[in-house]
Amino acid sequence: RIDGMGWYRQAPGKPRELVAGIPSGGSTNYADSVK
């Protein structure tokens, strides 16, 4: 079973941050910078 999938990103000089995620239920979440 896959319970969730999504994306992080890491830019030069910055820590890794969550970009977007989607669990099995279909809800989504986004970083404010990409909404």
PDB file of all heavy atoms in Angstrom:
ATOM      1  N   ARG A   1       0.842  -1.182   0.000  1.00  0.00           N
ATOM      2  CA  ARG A   1       0.000   0.000   0.000  1.00  0.00           C
ATOM      3  C   ARG A   1       0.884   1.241   0.000  1.00  0.00           C
ATOM      4  O   ARG A   1       1.898   1.280   0.690  1.00  0.00           O
ATOM      5  CB  ARG A   1      -0.912   0.007   1.234  1.00  0.00           C
ATOM      6  CG  ARG A   1      -1.869   1.172   1.299  1.00  0.00           C
ATOM      7  CD  ARG A   1      -2.697   1.141   2.577  1.00  0.00           C
ATOM      8  NE  ARG A   1      -1.892   1.408   3.760  1.00  0.00           N
ATOM      9  CZ  ARG A   1      -1.669   0.541   4.738  1.00  0.00           C
ATOM     10  NH1 ARG A   1      -2.218  -0.669   4.680  1.00  0.00           N
ATOM     11  NH2 ARG A   1      -0.925   0.883   5.777  1.00  0.00           N
ATOM     12  N   ILE A   2       0.498   2.226  -0.773  1.00  0.00           N
ATOM     13  CA  ILE A   2       1.150   3.530  -0.734  1.00  0.00           C
ATOM     14  C   ILE A   2       0.238   4.484   0.015  1.00  0.00           C
ATOM     15  O   ILE A   2      -0.891   4.733  -0.402  1.00  0.00           O
ATOM     16  CB  ILE A   2       1.459   4.057  -2.136  1.00  0.00           C
ATOM     17  CG1 ILE A   2       2.476   3.156  -2.829  1.00  0.00           C
ATOM     18  CG2 ILE A   2       1.984   5.492  -2.055  1.00  0.00           C
ATOM     19  CD1 ILE A   2       2.872   3.622  -4.206  1.00  0.00           C
ATOM     20  N   ASP A   3       0.730   5.005   1.115  1.00  0.00           N
ATOM     21  CA  ASP A   3      -0.074   5.854   1.982  1.00  0.00           C
ATOM     22  C   ASP A   3       0.005   7.324   1.600  1.00  0.00           C
ATOM     23  O   ASP A   3      -0.859   8.109   2.008  1.00  0.00           O
ATOM     24  CB  ASP A   3       0.353   5.671   3.437  1.00  0.00           C
ATOM     25  CG  ASP A   3       0.183   4.239   3.905  1.00  0.00           C
ATOM     26  OD1 ASP A   3      -0.886   3.655   3.688  1.00  0.00           O
ATOM     27  OD2 ASP A   3       1.133   3.688   4.494  1.00  0.00           O
ATOM     28  N   GLY A   4       1.016   7.689   0.867  1.00  0.00           N
ATOM     29  CA  GLY A   4       1.137   9.063   0.438  1.00  0.00           C
ATOM     30  C   GLY A   4       2.335   9.236  -0.467  1.00  0.00           C
ATOM     31  O   GLY A   4       3.292   8.461  -0.409  1.00  0.00           O
ATOM     32  N   MET A   5       2.275  10.237  -1.303  1.00  0.00           N
ATOM     33  CA  MET A   5       3.386  10.574  -2.177  1.00  0.00           C
ATOM     34  C   MET A   5       3.482  12.086  -2.257  1.00  0.00           C
ATOM     35  O   MET A   5       2.515  12.797  -1.953  1.00  0.00           O
ATOM     36  CB  MET A   5       3.213   9.991  -3.582  1.00  0.00           C
ATOM     37  CG  MET A   5       3.078   8.480  -3.628  1.00  0.00           C
ATOM     38  SD  MET A   5       2.995   7.813  -5.317  1.00  0.00           S
ATOM     39  CE  MET A   5       4.746   7.915  -5.773  1.00  0.00           C
ATOM     40  N   GLY A   6       4.635  12.558  -2.670  1.00  0.00           N
ATOM     41  CA  GLY A   6       4.781  13.990  -2.800  1.00  0.00           C
ATOM     42  C   GLY A   6       6.178  14.389  -3.218  1.00  0.00           C
ATOM     43  O   GLY A   6       6.984  13.557  -3.654  1.00  0.00           O
ATOM     44  N   TRP A   7       6.452  15.673  -3.055  1.00  0.00           N
ATOM     45  CA  TRP A   7       7.679  16.261  -3.541  1.00  0.00           C
ATOM     46  C   TRP A   7       8.287  17.202  -2.522  1.00  0.00           C
ATOM     47  O   TRP A   7       7.584  18.026  -1.931  1.00  0.00           O
ATOM     48  CB  TRP A   7       7.420  17.052  -4.835  1.00  0.00           C
ATOM     49  CG  TRP A   7       6.885  16.223  -5.953  1.00  0.00           C
ATOM     50  CD1 TRP A   7       5.589  15.930  -6.221  1.00  0.00           C
ATOM     51  CD2 TRP A   7       7.662  15.578  -6.967  1.00  0.00           C
ATOM     52  NE1 TRP A   7       5.490  15.142  -7.333  1.00  0.00           N
ATOM     53  CE2 TRP A   7       6.744  14.912  -7.813  1.00  0.00           C
ATOM     54  CE3 TRP A   7       9.020  15.504  -7.241  1.00  0.00           C
ATOM     55  CZ2 TRP A   7       7.164  14.175  -8.918  1.00  0.00           C
ATOM     56  CZ3 TRP A   7       9.434  14.771  -8.335  1.00  0.00           C
ATOM     57  CH2 TRP A   7       8.513  14.122  -9.165  1.00  0.00           C
ATOM     58  N   TYR A   8       9.576  17.075  -2.326  1.00  0.00           N
ATOM     59  CA  TYR A   8      10.398  18.055  -1.651  1.00  0.00           C
ATOM     60  C   TYR A   8      11.347  18.665  -2.671  1.00  0.00           C
ATOM     61  O   TYR A   8      11.548  18.119  -3.767  1.00  0.00           O
ATOM     62  CB  TYR A   8      11.211  17.423  -0.520  1.00  0.00           C
ATOM     63  CG  TYR A   8      10.456  17.199   0.769  1.00  0.00           C
ATOM     64  CD1 TYR A   8       9.546  16.162   0.895  1.00  0.00           C
ATOM     65  CD2 TYR A   8      10.685  18.015   1.874  1.00  0.00           C
ATOM     66  CE1 TYR A   8       8.862  15.950   2.080  1.00  0.00           C
ATOM     67  CE2 TYR A   8      10.007  17.808   3.064  1.00  0.00           C
ATOM     68  CZ  TYR A   8       9.100  16.775   3.158  1.00  0.00           C
ATOM     69  OH  TYR A   8       8.426  16.560   4.343  1.00  0.00           O
ATOM     70  N   ARG A   9      11.931  19.787  -2.308  1.00  0.00           N
ATOM     71  CA  ARG A   9      12.964  20.363  -3.150  1.00  0.00           C
ATOM     72  C   ARG A   9      14.052  20.970  -2.283  1.00  0.00           C
ATOM     73  O   ARG A   9      13.816  21.344  -1.134  1.00  0.00           O
ATOM     74  CB  ARG A   9      12.398  21.425  -4.103  1.00  0.00           C
ATOM     75  CG  ARG A   9      11.911  22.698  -3.422  1.00  0.00           C
ATOM     76  CD  ARG A   9      11.283  23.638  -4.433  1.00  0.00           C
ATOM     77  NE  ARG A   9      10.803  24.870  -3.821  1.00  0.00           N
ATOM     78  CZ  ARG A   9      10.106  25.803  -4.457  1.00  0.00           C
ATOM     79  NH1 ARG A   9       9.807  25.641  -5.745  1.00  0.00           N
ATOM     80  NH2 ARG A   9       9.712  26.897  -3.826  1.00  0.00           N
ATOM     81  N   GLN A  10      15.241  21.051  -2.850  1.00  0.00           N
ATOM     82  CA  GLN A  10      16.360  21.659  -2.162  1.00  0.00           C
ATOM     83  C   GLN A  10      17.096  22.571  -3.138  1.00  0.00           C
ATOM     84  O   GLN A  10      17.635  22.107  -4.140  1.00  0.00           O
ATOM     85  CB  GLN A  10      17.309  20.619  -1.590  1.00  0.00           C
ATOM     86  CG  GLN A  10      18.398  21.222  -0.717  1.00  0.00           C
ATOM     87  CD  GLN A  10      19.085  20.191   0.160  1.00  0.00           C
ATOM     88  OE1 GLN A  10      19.006  18.988  -0.095  1.00  0.00           O
ATOM     89  NE2 GLN A  10      19.746  20.654   1.199  1.00  0.00           N
ATOM     90  N   ALA A  11      17.090  23.854  -2.838  1.00  0.00           N
ATOM     91  CA  ALA A  11      17.770  24.846  -3.649  1.00  0.00           C
ATOM     92  C   ALA A  11      19.147  25.126  -3.065  1.00  0.00           C
ATOM     93  O   ALA A  11      19.390  24.894  -1.877  1.00  0.00           O
ATOM     94  CB  ALA A  11      16.949  26.132  -3.707  1.00  0.00           C
ATOM     95  N   PRO A  12      20.063  25.629  -3.883  1.00  0.00           N
ATOM     96  CA  PRO A  12      21.406  25.947  -3.385  1.00  0.00           C
ATOM     97  C   PRO A  12      21.351  26.889  -2.195  1.00  0.00           C
ATOM     98  O   PRO A  12      20.689  27.929  -2.238  1.00  0.00           O
ATOM     99  CB  PRO A  12      22.080  26.601  -4.585  1.00  0.00           C
ATOM    100  CG  PRO A  12      21.374  26.037  -5.770  1.00  0.00           C
ATOM    101  CD  PRO A  12      19.946  25.890  -5.332  1.00  0.00           C
ATOM    102  N   GLY A  13      22.031  26.525  -1.127  1.00  0.00           N
ATOM    103  CA  GLY A  13      22.091  27.356   0.054  1.00  0.00           C
ATOM    104  C   GLY A  13      20.852  27.340   0.923  1.00  0.00           C
ATOM    105  O   GLY A  13      20.774  28.110   1.881  1.00  0.00           O
ATOM    106  N   LYS A  14      19.891  26.493   0.605  1.00  0.00           N
ATOM    107  CA  LYS A  14      18.666  26.427   1.370  1.00  0.00           C
ATOM    108  C   LYS A  14      18.398  24.989   1.810  1.00  0.00           C
ATOM    109  O   LYS A  14      18.818  24.045   1.148  1.00  0.00           O
ATOM    110  CB  LYS A  14      17.480  26.934   0.551  1.00  0.00           C
ATOM    111  CG  LYS A  14      17.576  28.393   0.152  1.00  0.00           C
ATOM    112  CD  LYS A  14      16.349  28.835  -0.625  1.00  0.00           C
ATOM    113  CE  LYS A  14      16.425  30.287  -1.004  1.00  0.00           C
ATOM    114  NZ  LYS A  14      15.225  30.718  -1.767  1.00  0.00           N
ATOM    115  N   PRO A  15      17.687  24.826   2.923  1.00  0.00           N
ATOM    116  CA  PRO A  15      17.348  23.471   3.362  1.00  0.00           C
ATOM    117  C   PRO A  15      16.250  22.867   2.500  1.00  0.00           C
ATOM    118  O   PRO A  15      15.517  23.575   1.802  1.00  0.00           O
ATOM    119  CB  PRO A  15      16.866  23.688   4.800  1.00  0.00           C
ATOM    120  CG  PRO A  15      16.314  25.077   4.802  1.00  0.00           C
ATOM    121  CD  PRO A  15      17.200  25.857   3.865  1.00  0.00           C
ATOM    122  N   ARG A  16      16.142  21.566   2.576  1.00  0.00           N
ATOM    123  CA  ARG A  16      15.083  20.891   1.845  1.00  0.00           C
ATOM    124  C   ARG A  16      13.727  21.277   2.420  1.00  0.00           C
ATOM    125  O   ARG A  16      13.549  21.342   3.638  1.00  0.00           O
ATOM    126  CB  ARG A  16      15.288  19.380   1.905  1.00  0.00           C
ATOM    127  CG  ARG A  16      14.234  18.591   1.148  1.00  0.00           C
ATOM    128  CD  ARG A  16      14.758  17.272   0.649  1.00  0.00           C
ATOM    129  NE  ARG A  16      15.289  16.432   1.713  1.00  0.00           N
ATOM    130  CZ  ARG A  16      15.769  15.205   1.510  1.00  0.00           C
ATOM    131  NH1 ARG A  16      15.768  14.692   0.279  1.00  0.00           N
ATOM    132  NH2 ARG A  16      16.250  14.508   2.518  1.00  0.00           N
ATOM    133  N   GLU A  17      12.758  21.526   1.548  1.00  0.00           N
ATOM    134  CA  GLU A  17      11.435  21.937   1.976  1.00  0.00           C
ATOM    135  C   GLU A  17      10.370  21.150   1.240  1.00  0.00           C
ATOM    136  O   GLU A  17      10.551  20.744   0.092  1.00  0.00           O
ATOM    137  CB  GLU A  17      11.225  23.436   1.739  1.00  0.00           C
ATOM    138  CG  GLU A  17      11.250  23.838   0.275  1.00  0.00           C
ATOM    139  CD  GLU A  17      10.939  25.305   0.050  1.00  0.00           C
ATOM    140  OE1 GLU A  17      10.621  26.013   1.024  1.00  0.00           O
ATOM    141  OE2 GLU A  17      11.021  25.755  -1.112  1.00  0.00           O
ATOM    142  N   LEU A  18       9.252  20.965   1.913  1.00  0.00           N
ATOM    143  CA  LEU A  18       8.118  20.292   1.289  1.00  0.00           C
ATOM    144  C   LEU A  18       7.483  21.210   0.259  1.00  0.00           C
ATOM    145  O   LEU A  18       7.150  22.360   0.561  1.00  0.00           O
ATOM    146  CB  LEU A  18       7.095  19.892   2.344  1.00  0.00           C
ATOM    147  CG  LEU A  18       5.805  19.244   1.831  1.00  0.00           C
ATOM    148  CD1 LEU A  18       6.101  17.879   1.211  1.00  0.00           C
ATOM    149  CD2 LEU A  18       4.780  19.105   2.950  1.00  0.00           C
ATOM    150  N   VAL A  19       7.303  20.698  -0.940  1.00  0.00           N
ATOM    151  CA  VAL A  19       6.646  21.444  -2.007  1.00  0.00           C
ATOM    152  C   VAL A  19       5.169  21.102  -2.067  1.00  0.00           C
ATOM    153  O   VAL A  19       4.303  21.985  -2.075  1.00  0.00           O
ATOM    154  CB  VAL A  19       7.302  21.167  -3.369  1.00  0.00           C
ATOM    155  CG1 VAL A  19       6.574  21.914  -4.485  1.00  0.00           C
ATOM    156  CG2 VAL A  19       8.776  21.559  -3.337  1.00  0.00           C
ATOM    157  N   ALA A  20       4.864  19.825  -2.135  1.00  0.00           N
ATOM    158  CA  ALA A  20       3.483  19.373  -2.237  1.00  0.00           C
ATOM    159  C   ALA A  20       3.397  17.918  -1.836  1.00  0.00           C
ATOM    160  O   ALA A  20       4.317  17.147  -2.083  1.00  0.00           O
ATOM    161  CB  ALA A  20       2.940  19.561  -3.654  1.00  0.00           C
ATOM    162  N   GLY A  21       2.285  17.558  -1.229  1.00  0.00           N
ATOM    163  CA  GLY A  21       2.053  16.179  -0.855  1.00  0.00           C
ATOM    164  C   GLY A  21       0.608  15.802  -1.091  1.00  0.00           C
ATOM    165  O   GLY A  21      -0.280  16.656  -1.076  1.00  0.00           O
ATOM    166  N   ILE A  22       0.388  14.504  -1.317  1.00  0.00           N
ATOM    167  CA  ILE A  22      -0.970  14.014  -1.536  1.00  0.00           C
ATOM    168  C   ILE A  22      -1.088  12.623  -0.917  1.00  0.00           C
ATOM    169  O   ILE A  22      -0.411  11.685  -1.334  1.00  0.00           O
ATOM    170  CB  ILE A  22      -1.338  14.015  -3.038  1.00  0.00           C
ATOM    171  CG1 ILE A  22      -2.770  13.523  -3.236  1.00  0.00           C
ATOM    172  CG2 ILE A  22      -0.342  13.219  -3.862  1.00  0.00           C
ATOM    173  CD1 ILE A  22      -3.286  13.765  -4.654  1.00  0.00           C
ATOM    174  N   PRO A  23      -1.930  12.470   0.102  1.00  0.00           N
ATOM    175  CA  PRO A  23      -2.162  11.152   0.685  1.00  0.00           C
ATOM    176  C   PRO A  23      -3.164  10.365  -0.147  1.00  0.00           C
ATOM    177  O   PRO A  23      -3.694  10.855  -1.147  1.00  0.00           O
ATOM    178  CB  PRO A  23      -2.722  11.492   2.071  1.00  0.00           C
ATOM    179  CG  PRO A  23      -3.436  12.788   1.858  1.00  0.00           C
ATOM    180  CD  PRO A  23      -2.636  13.535   0.827  1.00  0.00           C
ATOM    181  N   SER A  24      -3.440   9.140   0.280  1.00  0.00           N
ATOM    182  CA  SER A  24      -4.355   8.285  -0.468  1.00  0.00           C
ATOM    183  C   SER A  24      -5.765   8.846  -0.523  1.00  0.00           C
ATOM    184  O   SER A  24      -6.502   8.591  -1.474  1.00  0.00           O
ATOM    185  CB  SER A  24      -4.379   6.876   0.134  1.00  0.00           C
ATOM    186  OG  SER A  24      -3.116   6.254   0.045  1.00  0.00           O
ATOM    187  N   GLY A  25      -6.144   9.599   0.501  1.00  0.00           N
ATOM    188  CA  GLY A  25      -7.491  10.138   0.568  1.00  0.00           C
ATOM    189  C   GLY A  25      -7.802  11.207  -0.457  1.00  0.00           C
ATOM    190  O   GLY A  25      -8.964  11.558  -0.636  1.00  0.00           O
ATOM    191  N   GLY A  26      -6.789  11.731  -1.117  1.00  0.00           N
ATOM    192  CA  GLY A  26      -7.003  12.698  -2.173  1.00  0.00           C
ATOM    193  C   GLY A  26      -6.810  14.144  -1.788  1.00  0.00           C
ATOM    194  O   GLY A  26      -6.791  15.006  -2.673  1.00  0.00           O
ATOM    195  N   SER A  27      -6.677  14.431  -0.505  1.00  0.00           N
ATOM    196  CA  SER A  27      -6.395  15.796  -0.113  1.00  0.00           C
ATOM    197  C   SER A  27      -4.980  16.167  -0.524  1.00  0.00           C
ATOM    198  O   SER A  27      -4.137  15.297  -0.751  1.00  0.00           O
ATOM    199  CB  SER A  27      -6.584  15.973   1.395  1.00  0.00           C
ATOM    200  OG  SER A  27      -5.682  15.156   2.114  1.00  0.00           O
ATOM    201  N   THR A  28      -4.733  17.445  -0.626  1.00  0.00           N
ATOM    202  CA  THR A  28      -3.424  17.922  -1.045  1.00  0.00           C
ATOM    203  C   THR A  28      -2.945  19.026  -0.129  1.00  0.00           C
ATOM    204  O   THR A  28      -3.740  19.693   0.535  1.00  0.00           O
ATOM    205  CB  THR A  28      -3.453  18.448  -2.489  1.00  0.00           C
ATOM    206  OG1 THR A  28      -4.407  19.515  -2.588  1.00  0.00           O
ATOM    207  CG2 THR A  28      -3.847  17.347  -3.458  1.00  0.00           C
ATOM    208  N   ASN A  29      -1.646  19.211  -0.098  1.00  0.00           N
ATOM    209  CA  ASN A  29      -1.071  20.325   0.625  1.00  0.00           C
ATOM    210  C   ASN A  29       0.093  20.880  -0.171  1.00  0.00           C
ATOM    211  O   ASN A  29       0.801  20.137  -0.861  1.00  0.00           O
ATOM    212  CB  ASN A  29      -0.647  19.931   2.047  1.00  0.00           C
ATOM    213  CG  ASN A  29       0.350  18.782   2.071  1.00  0.00           C
ATOM    214  OD1 ASN A  29       1.556  18.996   1.940  1.00  0.00           O
ATOM    215  ND2 ASN A  29      -0.147  17.563   2.239  1.00  0.00           N
ATOM    216  N   TYR A  30       0.291  22.186  -0.062  1.00  0.00           N
ATOM    217  CA  TYR A  30       1.298  22.872  -0.839  1.00  0.00           C
ATOM    218  C   TYR A  30       2.050  23.860   0.029  1.00  0.00           C
ATOM    219  O   TYR A  30       1.493  24.425   0.973  1.00  0.00           O
ATOM    220  CB  TYR A  30       0.678  23.651  -2.000  1.00  0.00           C
ATOM    221  CG  TYR A  30      -0.052  22.816  -3.021  1.00  0.00           C
ATOM    222  CD1 TYR A  30      -1.412  22.569  -2.898  1.00  0.00           C
ATOM    223  CD2 TYR A  30       0.617  22.289  -4.114  1.00  0.00           C
ATOM    224  CE1 TYR A  30      -2.089  21.813  -3.837  1.00  0.00           C
ATOM    225  CE2 TYR A  30      -0.048  21.536  -5.055  1.00  0.00           C
ATOM    226  CZ  TYR A  30      -1.401  21.297  -4.913  1.00  0.00           C
ATOM    227  OH  TYR A  30      -2.068  20.546  -5.856  1.00  0.00           O
ATOM    228  N   ALA A  31       3.295  24.083  -0.321  1.00  0.00           N
ATOM    229  CA  ALA A  31       4.018  25.191   0.262  1.00  0.00           C
ATOM    230  C   ALA A  31       3.371  26.496  -0.174  1.00  0.00           C
ATOM    231  O   ALA A  31       2.857  26.613  -1.293  1.00  0.00           O
ATOM    232  CB  ALA A  31       5.486  25.164  -0.172  1.00  0.00           C
ATOM    233  N   ASP A  32       3.384  27.476   0.708  1.00  0.00           N
ATOM    234  CA  ASP A  32       2.762  28.755   0.384  1.00  0.00           C
ATOM    235  C   ASP A  32       3.350  29.369  -0.886  1.00  0.00           C
ATOM    236  O   ASP A  32       2.641  30.027  -1.652  1.00  0.00           O
ATOM    237  CB  ASP A  32       2.923  29.739   1.546  1.00  0.00           C
ATOM    238  CG  ASP A  32       2.059  29.381   2.739  1.00  0.00           C
ATOM    239  OD1 ASP A  32       1.067  28.641   2.566  1.00  0.00           O
ATOM    240  OD2 ASP A  32       2.369  29.846   3.845  1.00  0.00           O
ATOM    241  N   SER A  33       4.616  29.137  -1.123  1.00  0.00           N
ATOM    242  CA  SER A  33       5.287  29.751  -2.252  1.00  0.00           C
ATOM    243  C   SER A  33       4.846  29.193  -3.603  1.00  0.00           C
ATOM    244  O   SER A  33       5.109  29.812  -4.638  1.00  0.00           O
ATOM    245  CB  SER A  33       6.804  29.594  -2.117  1.00  0.00           C
ATOM    246  OG  SER A  33       7.165  28.227  -2.059  1.00  0.00           O
ATOM    247  N   VAL A  34       4.176  28.042  -3.620  1.00  0.00           N
ATOM    248  CA  VAL A  34       3.779  27.429  -4.882  1.00  0.00           C
ATOM    249  C   VAL A  34       2.273  27.325  -5.042  1.00  0.00           C
ATOM    250  O   VAL A  34       1.800  26.896  -6.110  1.00  0.00           O
ATOM    251  CB  VAL A  34       4.410  26.033  -5.063  1.00  0.00           C
ATOM    252  CG1 VAL A  34       5.921  26.110  -4.875  1.00  0.00           C
ATOM    253  CG2 VAL A  34       3.800  25.019  -4.106  1.00  0.00           C
ATOM    254  N   LYS A  35       1.508  27.702  -4.042  1.00  0.00           N
ATOM    255  CA  LYS A  35       0.056  27.627  -4.140  1.00  0.00           C
ATOM    256  C   LYS A  35      -0.449  28.469  -5.310  1.00  0.00           C
ATOM    257  O   LYS A  35      -0.026  29.601  -5.503  1.00  0.00           O
ATOM    258  CB  LYS A  35      -0.593  28.098  -2.842  1.00  0.00           C
ATOM    259  CG  LYS A  35      -0.463  27.130  -1.684  1.00  0.00           C
ATOM    260  CD  LYS A  35      -1.163  27.651  -0.439  1.00  0.00           C
ATOM    261  CE  LYS A  35      -1.060  26.661   0.710  1.00  0.00           C
ATOM    262  NZ  LYS A  35      -1.698  27.174   1.945  1.00  0.00           N
TER     263      LYS A  35
END
